[in-house]
Protein backbone atom coordinates (compact mmCIF):
# COMPACT_ATOMS: atom_id res chain seq x y z
CA MET A 1 251.90 163.52 152.86
CA ARG A 2 255.31 165.08 153.42
CA ARG A 3 256.01 167.42 150.51
CA SER A 4 259.33 168.58 149.08
CA TYR A 5 260.16 171.84 147.35
CA MET A 6 263.07 172.49 145.01
CA TRP A 7 264.36 175.75 143.58
CA ILE A 8 266.69 175.76 140.57
CA ALA A 9 268.91 178.86 140.70
CA PRO A 10 270.20 180.30 137.39
CA GLY A 11 273.62 178.68 137.74
CA SER A 12 275.80 181.79 137.63
CA PHE A 13 276.55 181.90 141.37
CA PRO A 14 276.27 179.71 144.46
CA VAL A 15 273.40 180.17 146.88
CA PRO A 16 273.90 181.82 149.29
CA SER A 17 276.61 184.13 147.99
CA ALA A 18 277.65 187.63 149.08
CA GLY A 19 278.61 188.60 145.54
CA SER A 20 275.65 187.26 143.59
CA SER A 21 272.75 188.91 141.80
CA SER A 22 269.44 189.71 143.47
CA VAL A 23 267.99 186.47 142.04
CA GLU A 24 270.24 184.25 144.14
CA ARG A 25 269.61 186.40 147.21
CA ALA A 26 265.86 186.11 146.69
CA VAL A 27 266.06 182.32 146.33
CA HIS A 28 268.07 182.00 149.55
CA GLU A 29 265.79 184.28 151.56
CA ILE A 30 262.51 182.84 150.30
CA ALA A 31 263.62 179.23 150.83
CA SER A 32 264.93 180.05 154.32
CA HIS A 33 261.76 181.87 155.40
CA LEU A 34 259.23 179.49 153.88
CA GLU A 35 257.52 177.65 156.75
CA VAL A 36 256.56 174.28 155.31
CA SER A 37 256.75 170.80 156.80
CA GLY A 38 258.89 169.00 154.30
CA ARG A 39 262.16 169.06 152.47
CA LYS A 40 263.45 172.34 151.04
CA CYS A 41 266.25 172.11 148.52
CA VAL A 42 268.08 174.75 146.46
CA VAL A 43 270.24 173.81 143.47
CA SER A 44 272.93 176.31 142.47
CA ARG A 45 276.45 176.57 141.10
CA ARG A 46 279.47 175.36 143.04
CA PHE A 47 282.56 177.55 143.26
CA PRO A 48 286.04 176.18 144.10
CA GLY A 49 286.47 175.38 147.78
CA GLN A 50 282.75 174.94 148.43
CA ALA A 51 281.00 171.81 149.59
CA GLY A 52 278.79 170.07 147.07
CA LYS A 53 276.08 169.62 149.71
CA LYS A 54 275.36 171.71 152.76
CA GLU A 55 272.42 172.60 154.97
CA VAL A 56 271.90 176.31 155.69
CA GLN A 57 269.00 177.60 157.82
CA GLY A 58 266.96 174.45 157.32
CA VAL A 59 267.50 174.37 153.55
CA GLU A 60 269.47 171.65 151.78
CA HIS A 61 271.85 173.15 149.24
CA ILE A 62 273.08 171.13 146.28
CA ARG A 63 275.90 172.93 144.48
CA LEU A 64 276.94 171.72 141.06
CA ARG A 65 280.36 172.05 139.48
CA ALA A 66 279.30 173.05 135.98
CA ARG A 67 279.61 175.96 133.59
CA PRO A 68 276.56 178.24 133.42
CA GLY A 69 274.10 177.31 130.71
CA ALA A 70 273.42 173.91 129.20
CA ALA A 71 275.94 171.95 131.30
CA TYR A 72 274.54 173.32 134.55
CA CYS A 73 270.96 172.83 133.36
CA ARG A 74 271.56 169.13 132.61
CA LYS A 75 273.12 168.51 136.02
CA ALA A 76 270.33 170.42 137.76
CA ALA A 77 267.73 168.31 135.95
CA ALA A 78 269.51 165.14 137.06
CA ALA A 79 269.47 166.38 140.68
CA ALA A 80 265.75 167.14 140.37
CA CYS A 81 265.02 163.66 139.01
CA GLN A 82 266.73 162.14 142.05
CA CYS A 83 264.77 164.35 144.46
CA LYS A 84 261.35 164.07 142.72
CA PRO A 85 260.04 167.25 144.39
CA SER A 86 256.36 167.91 145.02
CA LEU A 87 256.96 171.28 143.35
CA LEU A 88 259.93 172.55 141.38
CA GLN A 89 260.58 176.24 140.72
CA ILE A 90 262.97 177.46 138.01
CA GLU A 91 264.46 180.87 138.75
CA ASN A 92 264.62 183.33 135.85
CA ARG A 93 265.55 180.83 133.13
CA PRO A 94 262.42 180.41 130.97
CA SER A 95 264.29 178.41 128.32
CA TRP A 96 264.57 175.47 130.75
CA VAL A 97 260.87 174.92 131.45
CA ARG A 98 260.00 172.33 128.81
CA MET A 99 263.11 170.27 129.49
CA PHE A 100 262.31 170.07 133.22
CA LYS A 101 258.67 169.28 132.43
CA LYS A 102 259.81 166.39 130.25
CA LYS A 103 262.11 165.05 132.97
CA LEU A 104 259.65 165.52 135.86
CA LYS A 105 256.39 164.19 134.49
CA HIS A 106 254.60 164.11 137.85
CA SER A 107 255.86 167.32 139.48
CA PRO A 108 254.41 170.80 138.89
CA VAL A 109 257.06 173.04 137.33
CA TRP A 110 256.83 176.73 138.14
CA LEU A 111 258.82 179.52 136.53
CA SER A 112 259.82 182.46 138.71
CA LEU A 113 260.50 185.38 136.39
CA HIS A 114 262.49 188.26 137.89
CA SER A 115 262.80 190.44 134.79
CA THR A 116 262.11 190.56 131.06
CA THR A 117 265.77 189.96 130.19
CA PHE A 118 265.49 186.27 129.33
CA ILE A 119 262.31 186.55 127.27
CA GLN A 120 263.78 189.20 124.98
CA PRO A 121 264.48 188.22 121.34
CA ALA A 122 268.22 188.53 122.01
CA LYS A 123 267.93 185.63 124.49
CA LEU A 124 264.88 183.71 123.25
CA SER A 125 262.79 183.93 120.09
CA ALA A 126 259.17 185.00 120.57
CA ALA A 127 257.93 181.59 119.41
CA ARG A 128 260.25 179.72 121.80
CA ALA A 129 259.37 182.05 124.68
CA GLN A 130 255.67 181.41 124.06
CA GLN A 131 256.24 177.64 124.15
CA GLU A 132 258.29 177.73 127.35
CA LEU A 133 255.94 180.09 129.19
CA ALA A 134 252.90 178.08 128.11
CA ALA A 135 254.53 174.89 129.41
CA ALA A 136 255.00 176.21 132.96
CA ASP A 137 252.31 175.16 135.42
CA ARG A 138 252.50 178.60 137.03
CA ILE A 139 254.53 181.73 136.35
CA LEU A 140 255.55 183.69 139.43
CA VAL A 141 256.42 187.36 138.87
CA ASN A 142 257.64 190.07 141.23
CA SER A 143 255.32 192.89 140.10
CA ARG A 144 251.97 193.60 138.54
CA TYR A 145 253.88 195.41 135.81
CA LEU A 146 255.66 192.19 134.83
CA LYS A 147 252.38 190.28 134.77
CA GLU A 148 250.79 192.86 132.48
CA HIS A 149 253.87 192.79 130.26
CA LEU A 150 253.60 189.01 129.85
CA LEU A 151 249.90 189.22 129.08
CA SER A 152 250.52 191.89 126.44
CA GLN A 153 253.31 189.96 124.71
CA PHE A 154 252.20 186.32 124.96
CA GLU A 155 249.06 184.22 124.83
CA LEU A 156 248.74 183.17 128.45
CA PRO A 157 245.77 182.86 130.83
CA ALA A 158 245.88 185.63 133.44
CA GLU A 159 245.17 183.20 136.30
CA LYS A 160 248.37 181.32 135.50
CA ILE A 161 250.55 184.34 136.36
CA LEU A 162 250.91 184.99 140.10
CA VAL A 163 252.33 188.17 141.63
CA ASN A 164 254.49 188.17 144.74
CA HIS A 165 256.59 191.21 145.60
CA LEU A 166 260.09 190.54 146.89
CA GLY A 167 261.45 191.79 150.20
CA VAL A 168 264.49 192.62 152.29
CA ASP A 169 265.81 191.62 155.69
CA ALA A 170 264.68 194.82 157.39
CA GLY A 171 266.87 194.06 160.40
CA GLN A 172 270.02 194.41 158.27
CA PHE A 173 269.25 198.03 157.40
CA VAL A 174 269.95 200.52 160.15
CA PRO A 175 267.45 203.40 160.35
CA ARG A 176 269.11 206.45 158.84
CA HIS A 177 268.15 208.80 161.71
CA SER A 178 268.74 206.39 164.60
CA ALA A 179 271.73 206.77 166.92
CA ARG A 180 273.35 203.70 165.35
CA GLY A 181 272.60 204.99 161.87
CA GLN A 182 274.22 208.33 162.68
CA LYS A 183 277.27 206.52 164.05
CA LEU A 184 277.63 204.42 160.88
CA ARG A 185 277.24 207.54 158.78
CA GLU A 186 279.87 209.47 160.70
CA GLU A 187 282.34 206.58 160.61
CA LEU A 188 282.01 206.04 156.86
CA LEU A 189 282.07 209.71 155.87
CA SER A 190 285.00 210.48 158.18
CA ARG A 191 286.98 207.61 156.67
CA LEU A 192 286.25 208.87 153.16
CA GLY A 193 286.93 212.52 154.01
CA TYR A 194 283.31 213.64 153.58
CA ARG A 195 282.43 214.33 157.21
CA ASP A 196 280.26 217.42 156.61
CA LYS A 197 278.85 216.40 153.24
CA GLN A 198 275.34 215.46 152.25
CA VAL A 199 275.30 212.19 150.32
CA VAL A 200 273.35 211.46 147.14
CA LEU A 201 273.56 207.70 146.63
CA PHE A 202 273.23 205.43 143.61
CA VAL A 203 273.48 201.66 144.10
CA GLY A 204 273.38 199.26 141.19
CA ARG A 205 275.01 197.99 138.05
CA LEU A 206 276.65 200.58 135.83
CA ARG A 207 274.56 199.98 132.72
CA GLU A 208 273.01 202.61 130.47
CA GLN A 209 269.47 201.50 131.30
CA LYS A 210 270.14 202.29 134.96
CA GLY A 211 270.39 205.99 134.06
CA VAL A 212 273.56 206.77 136.04
CA HIS A 213 274.56 209.30 133.37
CA LEU A 214 271.40 211.30 134.11
CA LEU A 215 272.39 211.59 137.76
CA LEU A 216 275.90 212.76 136.85
CA GLU A 217 274.52 215.24 134.33
CA ALA A 218 272.41 216.68 137.16
CA VAL A 219 275.45 217.31 139.39
CA PRO A 220 276.12 220.94 138.27
CA LYS A 221 272.58 222.02 139.16
CA ILE A 222 272.67 220.11 142.45
CA ILE A 223 275.93 221.70 143.62
CA GLU A 224 274.69 225.13 142.54
CA HIS A 225 272.05 224.88 145.27
CA CYS A 226 273.76 222.42 147.65
CA PRO A 227 277.54 222.84 147.33
CA ASP A 228 278.43 220.51 150.21
CA ILE A 229 277.34 217.25 148.59
CA VAL A 230 278.97 214.12 147.30
CA VAL A 231 277.36 211.83 144.74
CA ALA A 232 278.41 208.26 145.59
CA ILE A 233 278.11 205.82 142.69
CA VAL A 234 278.25 202.36 144.28
CA GLY A 235 278.40 199.49 141.82
CA SER A 236 280.05 197.91 138.82
CA PRO A 237 279.02 196.88 135.29
CA TYR A 238 278.90 193.20 136.23
CA TYR A 239 278.17 191.36 139.45
CA ASN A 240 281.23 191.11 141.67
CA LYS A 241 283.53 192.46 138.95
CA TYR A 242 284.62 195.97 137.93
CA SER A 243 285.66 196.73 134.38
CA LEU A 244 285.97 199.90 132.34
CA THR A 245 283.30 199.44 129.70
CA PRO A 246 282.68 202.30 127.23
CA TYR A 247 279.66 203.35 129.28
CA VAL A 248 281.63 203.33 132.54
CA ALA A 249 284.43 205.30 130.86
CA ASN A 250 281.86 207.93 129.89
CA LEU A 251 280.55 208.02 133.46
CA HIS A 252 284.07 208.66 134.72
CA ARG A 253 284.49 211.49 132.21
CA LEU A 254 281.30 213.08 133.52
CA GLY A 255 282.30 212.55 137.15
CA ASN A 256 285.86 213.81 136.70
CA ARG A 257 284.51 217.27 135.95
CA TYR A 258 283.52 217.50 139.62
CA PRO A 259 286.16 215.48 141.52
CA HIS A 260 285.16 217.07 144.83
CA ALA A 261 281.51 216.08 144.37
CA VAL A 262 281.55 212.63 142.72
CA ARG A 263 283.01 209.39 144.03
CA PHE A 264 282.94 206.00 142.31
CA VAL A 265 282.88 203.02 144.65
CA PRO A 266 283.53 199.63 142.97
CA PHE A 267 281.33 196.66 143.68
CA VAL A 268 280.31 196.44 147.36
CA HIS A 269 279.24 193.10 148.84
CA HIS A 270 275.61 193.07 149.84
CA HIS A 271 276.31 192.75 153.57
CA GLN A 272 278.29 196.02 153.40
CA LEU A 273 275.53 198.04 151.73
CA PRO A 274 273.63 198.98 154.92
CA ARG A 275 276.41 201.38 155.97
CA TRP A 276 276.12 203.17 152.61
CA TYR A 277 272.38 203.54 152.98
CA ALA A 278 272.86 204.79 156.54
CA ALA A 279 275.21 207.46 155.18
CA ALA A 280 272.83 208.60 152.43
CA ASP A 281 270.56 211.63 152.48
CA VAL A 282 268.85 210.66 149.22
CA CYS A 283 268.91 207.48 147.12
CA VAL A 284 268.46 207.96 143.37
CA VAL A 285 267.12 205.27 140.99
CA PRO A 286 266.97 207.01 137.57
CA SER A 287 266.22 203.95 135.41
CA THR A 288 265.56 204.82 131.77
CA HIS A 289 264.04 201.41 131.00
CA ASP A 290 261.20 199.63 132.77
CA GLU A 291 262.43 197.79 135.86
CA ALA A 292 260.46 194.68 136.77
CA PHE A 293 260.78 195.47 140.48
CA GLY A 294 263.86 197.40 141.62
CA LEU A 295 265.00 195.94 144.95
CA VAL A 296 267.34 198.87 145.62
CA ASN A 297 264.29 201.05 146.28
CA VAL A 298 263.15 198.69 149.03
CA GLU A 299 266.64 198.59 150.56
CA ALA A 300 266.84 202.39 150.71
CA MET A 301 263.34 202.62 152.19
CA ALA A 302 264.25 199.99 154.80
CA ALA A 303 267.05 202.31 155.94
CA GLY A 304 264.71 205.30 156.12
CA VAL A 305 266.26 207.00 153.09
CA PRO A 306 263.90 208.92 150.77
CA VAL A 307 264.03 207.77 147.16
CA VAL A 308 263.97 209.74 143.92
CA ALA A 309 263.15 207.23 141.20
CA ALA A 310 261.80 206.84 137.70
CA ALA A 311 258.08 206.08 137.60
CA SER A 312 258.62 203.08 135.37
CA GLY A 313 257.79 199.40 135.49
CA GLY A 314 257.42 197.86 138.92
CA ILE A 315 259.13 200.76 140.71
CA SER A 316 255.77 202.53 140.95
CA GLU A 317 254.48 199.58 143.01
CA VAL A 318 257.29 200.08 145.53
CA VAL A 319 257.87 203.83 145.87
CA LEU A 320 254.80 205.90 146.72
CA ASP A 321 255.13 209.40 145.30
CA GLY A 322 255.02 211.99 148.07
CA GLN A 323 254.90 209.31 150.77
CA THR A 324 258.22 207.43 150.55
CA GLY A 325 259.99 209.58 147.97
CA PHE A 326 259.44 211.20 144.59
CA LEU A 327 258.59 209.49 141.31
CA LEU A 328 259.44 211.16 138.02
CA PRO A 329 258.23 210.07 134.57
CA PRO A 330 261.29 208.76 132.68
CA GLU A 331 260.99 211.50 130.06
CA GLN A 332 261.29 214.13 132.83
CA LEU A 333 264.42 212.72 134.47
CA LYS A 334 266.81 214.77 132.35
CA HIS A 335 265.20 218.08 133.30
CA ASN A 336 263.66 217.50 136.74
CA LEU A 337 265.96 215.03 138.51
CA ALA A 338 268.19 217.71 140.05
CA ASP A 339 265.19 219.69 141.36
CA ALA A 340 263.74 216.65 143.16
CA ILE A 341 267.10 215.83 144.75
CA VAL A 342 267.72 219.44 145.82
CA ARG A 343 264.28 219.66 147.38
CA LEU A 344 265.03 216.72 149.67
CA LEU A 345 268.53 217.96 150.51
CA LYS A 346 267.20 221.38 151.51
CA ASP A 347 264.05 220.23 153.33
CA GLN A 348 265.34 217.81 155.95
CA PRO A 349 262.01 217.47 157.83
CA LEU A 350 260.36 216.41 154.55
CA ALA A 351 263.20 214.00 153.80
CA ALA A 352 262.92 212.48 157.28
CA ALA A 353 259.13 212.11 156.95
CA LEU A 354 259.43 210.39 153.57
CA GLY A 355 262.19 208.16 154.94
CA GLU A 356 260.02 207.12 157.87
CA GLY A 357 257.16 206.47 155.47
CA GLY A 358 259.44 204.17 153.52
CA ARG A 359 260.38 202.21 156.64
CA ARG A 360 256.73 201.72 157.53
CA ARG A 361 255.92 200.54 154.02
CA VAL A 362 258.75 198.00 154.07
CA ALA A 363 257.69 196.67 157.48
CA GLU A 364 254.11 196.24 156.26
CA HIS A 365 254.73 194.64 152.88
CA PHE A 366 258.33 194.22 151.74
CA THR A 367 259.99 191.86 154.22
CA TRP A 368 261.15 188.35 153.34
CA GLU A 369 258.81 187.01 155.98
CA ALA A 370 255.83 188.64 154.26
CA SER A 371 256.99 187.54 150.81
CA ALA A 372 257.47 183.95 152.00
CA ARG A 373 254.01 183.91 153.63
CA ARG A 374 252.41 185.05 150.38
CA LEU A 375 254.31 182.42 148.41
CA GLN A 376 253.34 179.75 150.91
CA GLU A 377 249.67 180.53 150.31
CA LEU A 378 250.19 180.41 146.54
CA TYR A 379 251.86 177.00 146.83
CA ARG A 380 249.04 175.69 149.04
CA SER A 381 246.35 176.89 146.64
CA CYS A 382 247.94 175.05 143.73
CA LEU A 383 249.09 171.76 145.28
């Protein structure tokens, strides 16, 4: 029997979209790389000027003109009822599970959970979250950490929760020490006026839980030992939009103390990120809260850049301490972050070895092809 698969994106952005969150990117990549004989369909939001229906890389895209939230959810459910998929997967919106189950009585409904954000009391009461999670036929998570978190907070059978790490398009990320990587680095740093600088890179949203303030507080100690550095803060508080929140204002106050050593770079589209990774000597991920996965670590590793990251949440499943970078317990970030960064800046053979270790690890486990193959097996075992 010819099967059909449908993914319901969160409804904040179209799929694919250069300025979306990592959830939309993951949906696009997984659907594109999944090798199944049957219909593949992704439902997402429609922005002005976009077609309502379009096929991209063998995937049918249905884009809905609706505001995020209830209006989008209703239209997505109507589209699903028309398609009657063999399997439907809701992306990172646990509050929609029971409604889709009610509408699609004969289709398995999976929930793909990318973080804990939408099962927090601020988004969903504990009782409601329990009901929605229990209603899902399977719950797909991107780390063992997230699975253990769900099991500790809710009454769910362990076999219902399936782990599949995400990936990257390794071909997009130029090896840091390759001839092409060196060329990209020289071009970017020359354009910015940092030709002879070493680059300490942060990529991500400018939120307190991302720990950007800890990196900026480490700058004095870093420049004491490595004066020719620039700390590049690439990102914004919200996806595809820069605004001066109180936290961002505080980051600028910290950075303005060292104008020669700190540069803020507003939101960069995902396809432009590889040049920043190619320019980096170290990538820093100082998250103060547990990250479910932390895709930025994989991106840096794909480019052969050693990572200094917090040993929290799913990050410890990605970065191997002493093999692809350094992991620091969150409580040690404030005091030891600068030392770990300085060590890599001063010991370039070590940094190169860790970077190469990261590239090997990505090639072995963290590509979209590998992630799609694992998901394909999970689908087959449950259908």
